[in-house]
Protein backbone atom coordinates (compact mmCIF):
# COMPACT_ATOMS: atom_id res chain seq x y z
CA MET A 1 -10.09 -23.56 12.88
CA ILE A 2 -13.85 -23.05 13.77
CA GLU A 3 -13.98 -23.71 17.46
CA THR A 4 -17.78 -22.59 17.87
CA LEU A 5 -20.79 -21.99 15.74
CA SER A 6 -23.77 -20.02 16.88
CA ILE A 7 -26.92 -19.87 14.67
CA HIS A 8 -29.94 -17.91 15.49
CA ASN A 9 -33.33 -17.73 13.63
CA ILE A 10 -31.85 -19.12 10.29
CA ALA A 11 -34.60 -21.01 8.35
CA LEU A 12 -36.04 -23.51 10.72
CA ILE A 13 -33.30 -23.14 13.25
CA ASP A 14 -34.31 -21.27 16.33
CA GLU A 15 -31.23 -21.53 18.50
CA LEU A 16 -28.20 -23.75 17.78
CA GLU A 17 -24.82 -23.84 19.53
CA LEU A 18 -22.06 -26.22 18.19
CA ASP A 19 -18.47 -26.97 19.21
CA LEU A 20 -16.47 -28.36 16.64
CA ALA A 21 -13.56 -30.55 16.84
CA PRO A 22 -9.86 -29.82 15.39
CA GLY A 23 -10.09 -33.09 13.11
CA LEU A 24 -12.99 -34.45 10.95
CA ASN A 25 -16.44 -33.17 11.84
CA ILE A 26 -19.29 -35.10 10.23
CA PHE A 27 -22.78 -34.13 9.82
CA THR A 28 -25.47 -36.78 9.14
CA GLY A 29 -29.29 -36.84 9.12
CA GLU A 30 -32.23 -37.84 7.07
CA THR A 31 -32.60 -36.20 3.63
CA GLY A 32 -34.21 -32.73 4.28
CA ALA A 33 -33.25 -32.87 8.05
CA GLY A 34 -31.43 -29.39 7.44
CA LYS A 35 -27.86 -30.11 7.11
CA SER A 36 -27.68 -27.80 4.15
CA VAL A 37 -29.11 -25.03 6.39
CA ILE A 38 -26.05 -25.51 8.82
CA LEU A 39 -23.71 -25.27 5.74
CA ARG A 40 -25.47 -22.18 4.34
CA SER A 41 -25.03 -20.51 7.64
CA ILE A 42 -21.51 -20.96 7.72
CA GLY A 43 -21.37 -19.47 4.03
CA LEU A 44 -23.28 -16.55 5.36
CA VAL A 45 -20.75 -15.58 8.11
CA LEU A 46 -18.03 -15.74 5.56
CA GLY A 47 -19.86 -13.15 3.40
CA GLU A 48 -21.79 -14.96 0.87
CA ARG A 49 -24.85 -13.56 -0.69
CA VAL A 50 -28.09 -13.51 1.59
CA SER A 51 -31.88 -12.76 1.01
CA ALA A 52 -34.43 -12.03 3.46
CA ASP A 53 -36.13 -15.26 3.21
CA ILE A 54 -33.17 -16.85 5.27
CA VAL A 55 -34.69 -15.16 8.41
CA ARG A 56 -36.86 -17.68 10.25
CA GLN A 57 -40.53 -16.78 9.67
CA GLY A 58 -42.01 -14.25 12.61
CA ALA A 59 -38.42 -13.30 13.60
CA ASP A 60 -37.14 -9.65 13.26
CA PHE A 61 -33.56 -10.83 12.43
CA ALA A 62 -31.12 -13.79 12.03
CA LYS A 63 -27.64 -13.97 13.21
CA VAL A 64 -24.72 -16.34 12.87
CA GLU A 65 -21.40 -16.14 14.69
CA ALA A 66 -18.30 -18.21 14.28
CA GLY A 67 -15.40 -18.32 16.57
CA VAL A 68 -12.18 -19.16 14.88
CA ALA A 69 -8.87 -19.98 16.80
CA PRO A 70 -5.44 -18.77 15.51
CA HIS A 71 -3.52 -21.26 13.33
CA ASP A 72 0.35 -21.14 13.04
CA ARG A 73 0.35 -22.41 9.50
CA HIS A 74 -2.12 -19.68 8.21
CA PRO A 75 -0.90 -16.55 6.62
CA MET A 76 -3.58 -14.59 8.46
CA TRP A 77 -1.57 -14.88 11.85
CA HIS A 78 1.77 -13.94 9.98
CA THR A 79 3.49 -10.58 10.86
CA ASP A 80 2.37 -9.29 7.60
CA PHE A 81 -1.14 -9.85 8.45
CA ALA A 82 -3.17 -8.00 5.87
CA PHE A 83 -6.27 -7.14 8.40
CA SER A 84 -4.03 -5.80 11.24
CA ASP A 85 -6.31 -2.82 11.46
CA VAL A 86 -9.21 -4.97 12.28
CA LEU A 87 -7.72 -8.06 14.13
CA ASP A 88 -5.31 -8.85 16.70
CA PRO A 89 -3.37 -11.82 15.06
CA SER A 90 -2.48 -13.27 18.52
CA ASP A 91 -6.22 -13.75 19.43
CA ALA A 92 -9.20 -15.81 18.38
CA VAL A 93 -11.46 -14.21 15.69
CA ILE A 94 -15.09 -13.84 16.14
CA LEU A 95 -16.91 -13.36 12.96
CA SER A 96 -20.56 -12.41 13.16
CA ARG A 97 -23.35 -11.41 10.72
CA ARG A 98 -26.68 -10.11 11.44
CA ILE A 99 -29.41 -10.21 8.77
CA GLY A 100 -32.61 -8.22 9.24
CA ALA A 101 -36.12 -9.39 8.10
CA ASN A 102 -35.67 -6.69 5.29
CA GLY A 103 -32.58 -8.35 3.92
CA ARG A 104 -30.00 -5.84 5.09
CA SER A 105 -27.23 -7.25 7.04
CA ARG A 106 -24.43 -5.81 9.45
CA CYS A 107 -21.00 -7.65 9.75
CA HIS A 108 -18.72 -7.60 12.79
CA VAL A 109 -15.26 -8.93 13.32
CA ASN A 110 -14.23 -9.00 17.07
CA GLY A 111 -17.06 -6.65 17.67
CA ARG A 112 -16.00 -4.16 15.35
CA LEU A 113 -18.20 -3.14 12.44
CA VAL A 114 -16.91 -4.17 9.02
CA ASN A 115 -18.19 -3.93 5.51
CA LEU A 116 -19.21 -7.14 3.54
CA SER A 117 -16.05 -7.14 1.34
CA GLN A 118 -13.67 -6.88 4.68
CA LEU A 119 -15.72 -9.91 6.00
CA GLN A 120 -15.27 -11.82 2.74
CA GLY A 121 -11.62 -11.00 2.58
CA ILE A 122 -11.15 -12.56 6.04
CA GLY A 123 -13.30 -15.44 5.25
CA VAL A 124 -11.65 -16.57 2.29
CA LEU A 125 -8.47 -17.00 4.46
CA LEU A 126 -10.20 -18.96 6.83
CA ILE A 127 -12.44 -21.72 5.26
CA ASP A 128 -12.82 -23.40 1.84
CA ILE A 129 -16.39 -24.54 1.14
CA HIS A 130 -16.69 -27.16 -1.56
CA GLY A 131 -19.86 -28.12 -2.99
CA GLN A 132 -22.70 -26.08 -4.66
CA HIS A 133 -21.44 -22.79 -3.01
CA GLU A 134 -19.60 -19.58 -4.20
CA HIS A 135 -17.19 -19.48 -1.13
CA GLN A 136 -14.68 -22.06 -2.44
CA SER A 137 -10.83 -21.31 -3.43
CA LEU A 138 -11.28 -23.81 -6.34
CA PHE A 139 -13.36 -21.27 -8.18
CA ARG A 140 -10.63 -18.50 -7.79
CA THR A 141 -8.36 -18.90 -10.45
CA GLN A 142 -5.81 -16.44 -8.73
CA THR A 143 -5.25 -19.28 -6.09
CA HIS A 144 -4.33 -21.79 -8.78
CA LEU A 145 -0.94 -20.16 -9.57
CA ARG A 146 -0.14 -20.00 -5.94
CA LEU A 147 -0.95 -23.57 -5.38
CA LEU A 148 1.02 -24.77 -8.35
CA ASP A 149 3.94 -22.71 -7.44
CA ASP A 150 3.99 -23.89 -3.75
CA PHE A 151 3.44 -27.61 -4.77
CA GLY A 152 6.44 -27.43 -7.23
CA GLY A 153 8.80 -25.34 -5.02
CA CYS A 154 8.58 -22.23 -7.32
CA SER A 155 7.94 -19.89 -4.39
CA ASP A 156 11.55 -18.67 -3.89
CA ALA A 157 11.68 -18.12 -7.76
CA ARG A 158 8.52 -16.23 -7.83
CA GLN A 159 9.32 -14.06 -4.94
CA HIS A 160 12.55 -13.20 -6.85
CA VAL A 161 10.56 -12.40 -9.76
CA SER A 162 8.34 -10.25 -7.48
CA LYS A 163 11.38 -8.30 -6.46
CA VAL A 164 12.54 -7.45 -9.90
CA HIS A 165 8.89 -6.53 -10.86
CA ALA A 166 8.78 -4.18 -7.92
CA ARG A 167 12.25 -2.55 -8.92
CA LEU A 168 11.01 -2.30 -12.55
CA GLN A 169 7.87 -0.48 -11.45
CA THR A 170 9.84 1.77 -9.21
CA LEU A 171 12.35 2.77 -12.22
CA GLN A 172 9.30 3.00 -14.55
CA GLN A 173 7.54 5.37 -12.08
CA GLU A 174 10.81 7.55 -11.69
CA ALA A 175 11.05 7.81 -15.50
CA ALA A 176 7.44 8.81 -15.88
CA ASP A 177 7.75 11.57 -13.28
CA LEU A 178 11.04 12.72 -14.60
CA ALA A 179 9.50 12.78 -18.22
CA GLN A 180 6.55 14.89 -16.86
CA THR A 181 8.94 17.33 -14.99
CA LEU A 182 11.09 17.52 -18.19
CA ARG A 183 7.96 18.31 -20.28
CA ALA A 184 6.85 20.95 -17.80
CA SER A 185 10.32 22.41 -17.31
CA GLU A 186 11.18 22.59 -21.02
CA ARG A 187 8.90 25.52 -21.39
CA GLU A 188 10.87 27.31 -18.71
CA LYS A 189 14.28 26.49 -20.25
CA ASP A 190 14.47 29.60 -22.43
CA LEU A 191 13.22 31.95 -19.85
CA LEU A 192 15.69 30.48 -17.21
CA GLU A 193 18.61 30.91 -19.69
CA PHE A 194 17.67 34.55 -20.35
CA GLU A 195 17.24 35.36 -16.81
CA ILE A 196 20.55 33.65 -15.72
CA LYS A 197 22.25 35.53 -18.37
CA GLU A 198 20.77 38.73 -17.45
CA LEU A 199 21.66 38.32 -13.67
CA THR A 200 25.07 37.03 -14.44
CA SER A 201 25.96 40.08 -16.69
CA ALA A 202 24.55 42.48 -13.76
CA ASN A 203 27.23 40.95 -11.64
CA LEU A 204 25.49 42.23 -8.50
CA GLU A 205 27.19 42.43 -5.15
CA GLU A 206 25.62 42.41 -1.61
CA GLY A 207 25.03 46.20 -0.33
CA GLU A 208 26.06 47.57 -3.81
CA ASP A 209 22.76 49.55 -3.94
CA GLU A 210 23.35 51.44 -0.82
CA GLU A 211 26.86 52.33 -1.69
CA LEU A 212 25.81 53.43 -4.99
CA ALA A 213 22.93 55.58 -3.66
CA ALA A 214 25.28 57.43 -1.45
CA GLU A 215 27.86 58.11 -4.28
CA ALA A 216 24.93 59.36 -6.40
CA ARG A 217 23.87 61.83 -3.70
CA LEU A 218 27.58 63.19 -3.39
CA LEU A 219 27.91 63.40 -7.37
CA SER A 220 24.55 65.03 -7.84
CA ASN A 221 25.29 67.55 -5.16
CA ALA A 222 28.89 68.41 -5.84
CA GLU A 223 28.55 72.08 -6.67
CA GLU A 224 26.59 72.86 -3.59
CA LEU A 225 29.01 70.90 -1.46
CA PHE A 226 32.00 72.76 -3.05
CA GLN A 227 30.40 76.21 -2.63
CA SER A 228 29.07 75.52 0.99
CA ALA A 229 32.59 74.27 2.06
CA ARG A 230 34.19 77.15 0.55
CA ARG A 231 31.84 79.48 2.03
CA VAL A 232 32.37 78.07 5.55
CA TYR A 233 36.06 78.38 5.00
CA ALA A 234 35.99 82.05 3.73
CA LEU A 235 33.91 82.86 6.90
CA LEU A 236 36.39 81.32 9.29
CA ASP A 237 39.74 82.17 7.58
CA SER A 238 39.82 84.03 4.13
CA ASP A 239 42.74 85.06 2.77
CA THR A 240 41.25 87.97 1.07
CA SER A 241 39.47 89.48 4.15
CA ASP A 242 40.84 91.15 7.17
CA SER A 243 37.63 90.72 9.03
CA SER A 244 37.43 86.90 8.98
CA VAL A 245 36.49 85.18 12.30
CA LEU A 246 39.74 83.99 12.92
CA GLU A 247 41.42 87.30 12.42
CA ARG A 248 39.05 88.89 14.92
CA LEU A 249 39.51 86.15 17.33
CA LYS A 250 43.24 86.40 17.13
CA ASP A 251 43.09 90.12 17.72
CA ALA A 252 40.84 89.46 20.85
CA ALA A 253 43.35 86.81 22.01
CA LYS A 254 46.11 89.34 21.91
CA THR A 255 44.23 91.79 23.64
CA LEU A 256 43.33 89.14 26.40
CA THR A 257 46.81 88.27 26.86
CA LYS A 258 47.94 91.91 27.61
CA LEU A 259 44.99 92.13 30.04
CA SER A 260 45.82 88.79 31.75
CA GLU A 261 49.31 90.28 32.47
CA LEU A 262 47.63 92.79 34.30
CA ASP A 263 44.72 90.68 35.80
CA GLU A 264 45.70 87.03 36.37
CA ASP A 265 41.84 86.36 36.67
CA LEU A 266 41.65 86.73 32.75
CA SER A 267 44.15 83.88 32.27
CA GLU A 268 41.56 81.20 32.18
CA VAL A 269 39.38 83.10 29.67
CA ARG A 270 42.53 83.70 27.43
CA ASP A 271 43.32 80.04 27.66
CA ARG A 272 39.78 78.95 26.48
CA LEU A 273 39.75 81.32 23.81
CA GLU A 274 43.14 80.16 22.37
CA THR A 275 41.74 76.53 22.56
CA SER A 276 38.71 77.62 20.36
CA LEU A 277 41.15 79.13 18.01
CA TYR A 278 43.10 75.92 17.57
CA GLU A 279 39.65 74.25 16.83
CA LEU A 280 38.40 76.75 14.47
CA GLU A 281 41.65 76.75 12.64
CA ASP A 282 41.35 72.95 12.15
CA ILE A 283 37.76 73.11 11.11
CA ALA A 284 38.75 75.95 8.55
CA LEU A 285 41.62 73.56 7.24
CA HIS A 286 39.30 70.61 6.95
CA THR A 287 36.47 72.53 5.00
CA ARG A 288 39.17 73.94 2.55
CA GLN A 289 40.56 70.42 2.10
CA TYR A 290 37.10 68.85 1.55
CA ALA A 291 36.24 71.71 -0.97
CA ASP A 292 39.28 70.63 -2.97
CA THR A 293 38.24 66.99 -2.96
CA VAL A 294 34.68 67.56 -4.09
CA GLU A 295 34.39 65.60 -7.48
CA PHE A 296 32.80 67.34 -10.53
CA ASN A 297 32.20 64.18 -12.66
CA PRO A 298 28.90 64.04 -14.70
CA MET A 299 30.05 60.90 -16.57
CA ARG A 300 30.42 59.14 -13.27
CA LEU A 301 27.12 60.29 -12.14
CA ASP A 302 25.41 58.93 -15.33
CA GLU A 303 27.15 55.57 -14.74
CA VAL A 304 25.98 55.43 -11.18
CA THR A 305 22.39 56.49 -12.10
CA ASP A 306 22.29 53.90 -14.82
CA ARG A 307 23.46 51.20 -12.40
CA LEU A 308 20.79 52.11 -9.84
CA ALA A 309 18.21 51.94 -12.57
CA LEU A 310 19.40 48.51 -13.52
CA ILE A 311 19.04 47.32 -9.90
CA SER A 312 15.61 48.78 -9.67
CA LYS A 313 14.49 46.92 -12.67
CA LEU A 314 15.95 43.79 -11.42
CA ARG A 315 14.17 44.20 -8.10
CA ARG A 316 10.76 44.52 -9.90
CA ARG A 317 11.63 41.03 -11.63
CA TYR A 318 13.43 38.92 -9.22
CA GLY A 319 13.13 40.29 -5.65
CA ASN A 320 12.95 43.22 -3.20
CA SER A 321 16.59 43.28 -2.18
CA ILE A 322 19.96 42.31 -3.77
CA SER A 323 19.81 39.47 -1.51
CA GLU A 324 16.67 38.13 -2.82
CA ILE A 325 17.80 38.76 -6.42
CA LEU A 326 21.05 36.60 -5.75
CA ALA A 327 18.87 33.99 -4.13
CA TYR A 328 16.64 33.79 -7.17
CA HIS A 329 19.84 33.73 -9.48
CA ALA A 330 21.14 30.64 -7.63
CA GLU A 331 17.77 28.84 -7.83
CA ALA A 332 17.44 29.54 -11.52
CA GLU A 333 20.91 28.02 -12.41
CA GLU A 334 19.89 25.04 -10.10
CA LYS A 335 16.74 24.60 -12.13
CA LEU A 336 18.55 24.81 -15.36
CA GLN A 337 21.30 22.38 -14.26
CA THR A 338 18.27 20.03 -13.09
CA LEU A 339 16.97 20.26 -16.61
CA GLN A 340 20.43 19.42 -18.27
CA PHE A 341 21.21 16.64 -15.86
CA GLY A 342 17.48 15.30 -16.08
CA SER A 343 18.05 14.76 -19.74
CA GLU A 344 21.13 12.57 -18.82
CA ARG A 345 19.21 10.81 -15.97
CA GLN A 346 16.41 9.90 -18.34
CA GLU A 347 18.88 8.15 -20.73
CA SER A 348 20.48 6.38 -17.64
CA LEU A 349 17.05 5.43 -16.48
CA GLN A 350 15.84 4.00 -19.83
CA ALA A 351 19.17 2.00 -19.89
CA GLU A 352 18.56 0.78 -16.49
CA ILE A 353 14.87 -0.23 -17.40
CA ASN A 354 15.83 -2.11 -20.59
CA LYS A 355 18.46 -4.08 -18.47
CA THR A 356 15.94 -4.90 -15.64
CA ILE A 357 13.36 -6.06 -18.30
CA GLN A 358 15.98 -8.28 -19.87
CA GLU A 359 16.75 -9.67 -16.41
CA ALA A 360 12.84 -10.09 -15.64
CA GLN A 361 12.28 -11.71 -18.91
CA HIS A 362 15.14 -14.27 -18.52
CA LEU A 363 13.80 -15.11 -14.72
CA CYS A 364 10.11 -15.38 -16.01
CA LEU A 365 10.92 -17.56 -18.89
CA ALA A 366 12.92 -19.82 -16.54
CA LEU A 367 9.97 -19.69 -14.07
CA SER A 368 7.40 -20.64 -16.74
CA ALA A 369 9.52 -23.56 -17.83
CA LYS A 370 9.55 -24.84 -14.37
CA ARG A 371 5.83 -24.22 -13.75
CA LEU A 372 5.12 -26.39 -17.12
CA HIS A 373 7.26 -29.01 -15.78
CA VAL A 374 5.50 -28.95 -12.39
CA ALA A 375 1.84 -28.69 -14.04
CA LYS A 376 2.58 -31.98 -15.58
CA GLN A 377 3.47 -33.70 -12.44
CA LEU A 378 0.53 -32.07 -10.58
CA SER A 379 -1.88 -33.14 -13.22
CA LYS A 380 -0.58 -36.74 -13.06
CA GLN A 381 -0.99 -36.90 -9.25
CA ILE A 382 -4.52 -35.38 -9.40
CA GLU A 383 -5.80 -37.67 -11.89
CA LYS A 384 -4.26 -40.67 -9.86
CA GLU A 385 -6.32 -39.28 -7.08
CA LEU A 386 -9.35 -38.82 -9.16
CA ARG A 387 -9.24 -42.45 -10.09
CA THR A 388 -9.49 -43.68 -6.61
CA LEU A 389 -12.44 -41.36 -5.96
CA GLY A 390 -14.50 -42.84 -8.54
CA MET A 391 -13.68 -40.42 -11.55
CA ASP A 392 -11.89 -43.11 -13.59
CA LYS A 393 -12.20 -41.16 -16.88
CA ALA A 394 -11.50 -37.62 -15.71
CA GLU A 395 -8.63 -35.65 -17.27
CA PHE A 396 -7.12 -32.96 -15.15
CA GLN A 397 -4.83 -30.20 -16.61
CA ALA A 398 -3.21 -27.39 -14.76
CA SER A 399 -2.94 -24.99 -17.66
CA VAL A 400 0.19 -22.57 -17.85
CA GLN A 401 -0.20 -19.79 -20.39
CA HIS A 402 1.88 -16.58 -21.03
CA ILE A 403 -0.17 -13.44 -20.60
CA ALA A 404 -0.52 -11.83 -24.01
CA ASP A 405 -0.17 -8.05 -24.09
CA GLU A 406 0.47 -6.03 -27.06
CA GLN A 407 1.98 -3.38 -24.97
CA GLY A 408 3.90 -5.82 -22.57
CA PRO A 409 7.58 -5.32 -22.16
CA PHE A 410 8.48 -9.05 -22.97
CA GLN A 411 9.03 -10.23 -26.52
CA VAL A 412 9.05 -13.91 -27.50
CA ASP A 413 8.73 -15.21 -31.03
CA ASP A 414 7.44 -11.80 -32.29
CA LYS A 415 4.74 -11.73 -29.65
CA ARG A 416 4.60 -9.49 -26.71
CA TYR A 417 3.73 -10.48 -23.21
CA ALA A 418 2.87 -8.90 -19.85
CA PHE A 419 4.98 -8.87 -16.78
CA ARG A 420 3.22 -9.24 -13.40
CA SER A 421 4.55 -9.44 -9.78
CA HIS A 422 4.09 -13.37 -10.20
CA GLY A 423 5.74 -13.54 -13.55
CA MET A 424 4.41 -13.74 -17.21
CA ASP A 425 1.95 -16.66 -16.47
CA ASP A 426 -1.77 -17.25 -15.83
CA VAL A 427 -2.42 -20.60 -14.37
CA GLU A 428 -5.92 -22.34 -14.37
CA PHE A 429 -7.00 -25.75 -13.43
CA LEU A 430 -9.11 -27.48 -16.05
CA ILE A 431 -11.10 -30.67 -16.04
CA ALA A 432 -12.78 -33.09 -18.43
CA PRO A 433 -14.87 -35.31 -16.26
CA ASN A 434 -15.94 -37.72 -19.03
CA VAL A 435 -14.33 -39.40 -22.08
CA GLY A 436 -14.51 -37.09 -25.11
CA SER A 437 -15.50 -33.88 -23.08
CA GLU A 438 -13.44 -30.91 -23.61
CA ALA A 439 -11.33 -29.54 -20.64
CA ARG A 440 -13.06 -26.55 -18.99
CA PRO A 441 -12.33 -24.44 -16.01
CA ILE A 442 -13.32 -26.15 -12.84
CA SER A 443 -15.79 -23.42 -12.08
CA LYS A 444 -17.85 -24.41 -15.04
CA ILE A 445 -18.58 -27.83 -13.76
CA ALA A 446 -22.27 -28.07 -12.51
CA SER A 447 -22.18 -31.11 -10.04
CA GLY A 448 -21.51 -30.52 -6.50
CA GLY A 449 -20.30 -33.80 -5.82
CA GLU A 450 -17.70 -33.79 -8.83
CA ILE A 451 -16.42 -30.49 -7.50
CA SER A 452 -16.00 -31.86 -4.10
CA ARG A 453 -14.30 -34.79 -5.07
CA ILE A 454 -11.93 -32.83 -7.36
CA MET A 455 -11.09 -30.51 -4.51
CA LEU A 456 -10.63 -33.60 -2.28
CA ALA A 457 -8.03 -34.83 -4.83
CA LEU A 458 -6.40 -31.46 -5.12
CA LYS A 459 -6.18 -31.11 -1.26
CA THR A 460 -5.08 -34.47 -0.73
CA VAL A 461 -2.10 -33.74 -3.15
CA LEU A 462 -1.55 -30.11 -1.99
CA VAL A 463 -2.13 -30.72 1.73
CA GLN A 464 1.17 -29.65 2.70
CA VAL A 465 1.18 -26.48 1.03
CA ASP A 466 -2.21 -25.23 1.25
CA GLU A 467 -2.78 -22.88 4.18
CA ILE A 468 -6.46 -22.65 4.51
CA PRO A 469 -7.08 -24.22 7.99
CA THR A 470 -10.66 -25.23 7.47
CA LEU A 471 -12.33 -27.05 4.66
CA LEU A 472 -15.96 -27.94 4.28
CA PHE A 473 -17.43 -30.38 1.95
CA ASP A 474 -20.82 -30.98 0.64
CA GLU A 475 -22.29 -33.40 -1.54
CA ILE A 476 -18.92 -35.29 -1.72
CA ASP A 477 -20.61 -38.74 -1.62
CA SER A 478 -22.93 -37.74 -4.59
CA GLY A 479 -22.79 -40.81 -7.03
CA ILE A 480 -20.25 -42.82 -5.29
CA GLY A 481 -20.59 -45.84 -2.81
CA GLY A 482 -18.84 -49.06 -1.80
CA LYS A 483 -15.14 -49.03 -2.21
CA VAL A 484 -15.03 -45.45 -3.48
CA ALA A 485 -16.87 -44.27 -0.45
CA ASP A 486 -14.31 -45.81 1.74
CA VAL A 487 -11.52 -44.13 -0.15
CA VAL A 488 -13.24 -40.94 0.33
CA GLY A 489 -13.51 -41.18 3.89
CA ARG A 490 -9.91 -42.23 4.41
CA LYS A 491 -8.78 -39.25 2.50
CA LEU A 492 -10.98 -36.94 4.43
CA LYS A 493 -9.51 -38.46 7.60
CA GLU A 494 -5.98 -38.01 6.24
CA LEU A 495 -6.84 -34.38 5.36
CA SER A 496 -7.99 -33.68 8.88
CA GLU A 497 -4.56 -34.39 10.34
CA PHE A 498 -3.48 -31.15 8.64
CA ALA A 499 -6.63 -29.00 8.57
CA GLN A 500 -9.88 -28.94 10.19
CA VAL A 501 -12.48 -30.66 7.84
CA ILE A 502 -16.32 -30.35 8.05
CA CYS A 503 -18.32 -32.71 5.88
CA ILE A 504 -22.14 -33.59 5.24
CA THR A 505 -22.49 -37.02 4.13
CA HIS A 506 -25.17 -39.82 3.68
CA LEU A 507 -22.69 -42.68 3.47
CA PRO A 508 -21.72 -44.72 6.75
CA GLN A 509 -18.31 -45.49 5.09
CA ILE A 510 -17.49 -41.74 5.40
CA ALA A 511 -19.26 -40.89 8.61
CA ARG A 512 -17.47 -43.59 10.35
CA PHE A 513 -14.11 -41.65 10.36
CA ALA A 514 -15.51 -38.80 12.23
CA ASP A 515 -13.60 -37.34 15.23
CA ARG A 516 -16.88 -35.56 16.11
CA HIS A 517 -20.17 -36.67 14.83
CA PHE A 518 -23.16 -34.51 14.69
CA ARG A 519 -26.72 -35.75 13.95
CA VAL A 520 -29.13 -33.17 12.45
CA GLU A 521 -32.95 -33.75 12.74
CA LYS A 522 -36.22 -31.86 12.40
CA LYS A 523 -38.27 -31.80 15.36
CA VAL A 524 -41.67 -30.58 16.34
CA VAL A 525 -41.64 -28.35 19.34
CA ASP A 526 -44.81 -26.52 20.49
CA GLU A 527 -46.32 -27.00 17.22
CA ARG A 528 -43.29 -25.61 15.33
CA THR A 529 -40.95 -27.43 13.19
CA LEU A 530 -37.25 -26.91 14.16
CA ILE A 531 -33.88 -28.04 13.01
CA THR A 532 -31.51 -29.47 15.80
CA ALA A 533 -28.18 -30.82 15.78
CA LYS A 534 -26.13 -32.67 18.47
CA PRO A 535 -22.88 -34.32 18.93
CA LEU A 536 -23.12 -38.04 19.30
CA THR A 537 -21.62 -40.25 22.03
CA PRO A 538 -19.81 -43.24 20.83
CA GLU A 539 -22.96 -45.27 21.38
CA GLU A 540 -25.18 -42.90 19.56
CA GLN A 541 -22.61 -42.92 16.69
CA VAL A 542 -22.92 -46.65 16.46
CA ASN A 543 -26.81 -46.37 16.28
CA GLU A 544 -26.48 -43.72 13.59
CA ILE A 545 -24.08 -45.66 11.33
CA ALA A 546 -26.53 -48.51 11.74
CA ARG A 547 -29.33 -46.36 10.63
CA MET A 548 -27.40 -44.87 7.63
CA HIS A 549 -26.43 -48.45 6.57
CA GLY A 550 -29.58 -50.26 6.75
CA GLY A 551 -32.17 -47.95 7.84
CA GLU A 552 -33.00 -49.89 10.90
CA GLU A 553 -31.14 -50.25 14.04
CA THR A 554 -31.19 -54.07 14.21
CA GLU A 555 -28.82 -56.26 15.95
CA ILE A 556 -27.15 -57.21 12.66
CA GLY A 557 -27.02 -53.56 11.65
CA LEU A 558 -25.52 -52.45 15.10
CA ALA A 559 -22.92 -55.15 14.78
CA HIS A 560 -21.97 -54.15 11.40
CA ALA A 561 -21.85 -50.52 12.57
CA ARG A 562 -19.55 -51.54 15.28
CA GLU A 563 -17.28 -53.50 12.74
CA LEU A 564 -17.08 -50.33 10.35
CA LEU A 565 -15.98 -48.14 13.32
CA SER A 566 -13.37 -50.46 14.58
CA GLU A 567 -11.77 -50.60 11.13
CA LYS A 568 -11.26 -46.89 10.69
């Protein structure tokens, strides 16, 4: 609810501070006193269109500020609050708008700069203005379906439909992504199959290239290895030479043995020589054996060379090492498997999508049938309320229509229909105010008084399910009087038990129900005409009701005013 309203430099208003009550707030005053300016100021702070002529003549800017208290019934303060990045739902909300003399405006919410669309988005959640104004939920057809569903207890069914819609969208998105992936990957399929076949037939092993390189070195140098080993053996211990190193060292050892018998000091030298002889004999034997093992195998050399060439070719294509080539091989096999599995998944997804569409259509048709039944009940109740509000001939219709869509997923009687998160229906409130007139959208009705009374009828019927906490009625008394005016006043009072109501009226039958009554006047101050508004005391309210009833504050008029106030 709006707790405070501050208006600065709007039209003929200089400074105006108003404290509004939770219940029924009534604004009265002579015709032309400026009541509509106050109403327009509220519209401005909710994001309605503005022009520079709204700024008071001679002022640089105008400003409107509204303090809005939290309300437990309102979705704005629920945990899923859509404007959580702007507001703290536990605190009051301060909406403000500053309009420069050049027509440019700046909007703030709780001191934070926001754009106009954000201000409008918050405003539509807070206040409904009914009259000749753009800021009213009655003109927004998207609210009609929600109101109908809430009235008829269809919210749970609609929520179920919404969950199925979300699930279908997820499946369809997955199918679209998979189809795109498959289309892109199909071009790679032949290449992947070729690469996998090539790598599989290569049958590479980790470290194989190093082993092959070592083997190739041996095979290509076999002759040199054999000849060198035999030469070493020949030098050390040749069977065909009497002058081999070992023979000479053996002679030297024999000689040292004889000398050591004569001189023991040579024993150590003899022992060292004998040890060297044993080592050299072993070396000679090893080189002879090595020469015998050297393989002369040109065919094997060709095989190894070809294998190394294959590995080199694979390196150029798939990686710098066998490890990288093997990793690429595994990745290629996984991609190919994904392609093969993707086709299967695509079929599975489509089957799941078809099943979900069938489920959704069943739920939506059931919801539509319920909506049609509820629409008839709502229409009857609204028409009953309109009768009491002086619109005896008005016909109200809550129109429920399937959303036609040639590409839609639902097919009923050879026609296709769309599927939305709220189902397959559009709902719009239509009205035929007079006998013989065609039922038209409520937004097409020109009369502000009719709009206000239609909304009052709607709010009266839907008061338990409508969550907008503040309602503002303008011109609601246009073309009515007497008993109807009294009915309107009583219904406004009843509404104010569930929501804050702000109403501008010229009728005492309505004004007498006020919880807080404001009188709007034009006064001349320092040769300037200004609009003022003040809350009335109980005695001042009596005087105002008397003025509204008879134009003069006579004893009879005052007595009648007190009688009216006592009957509310």
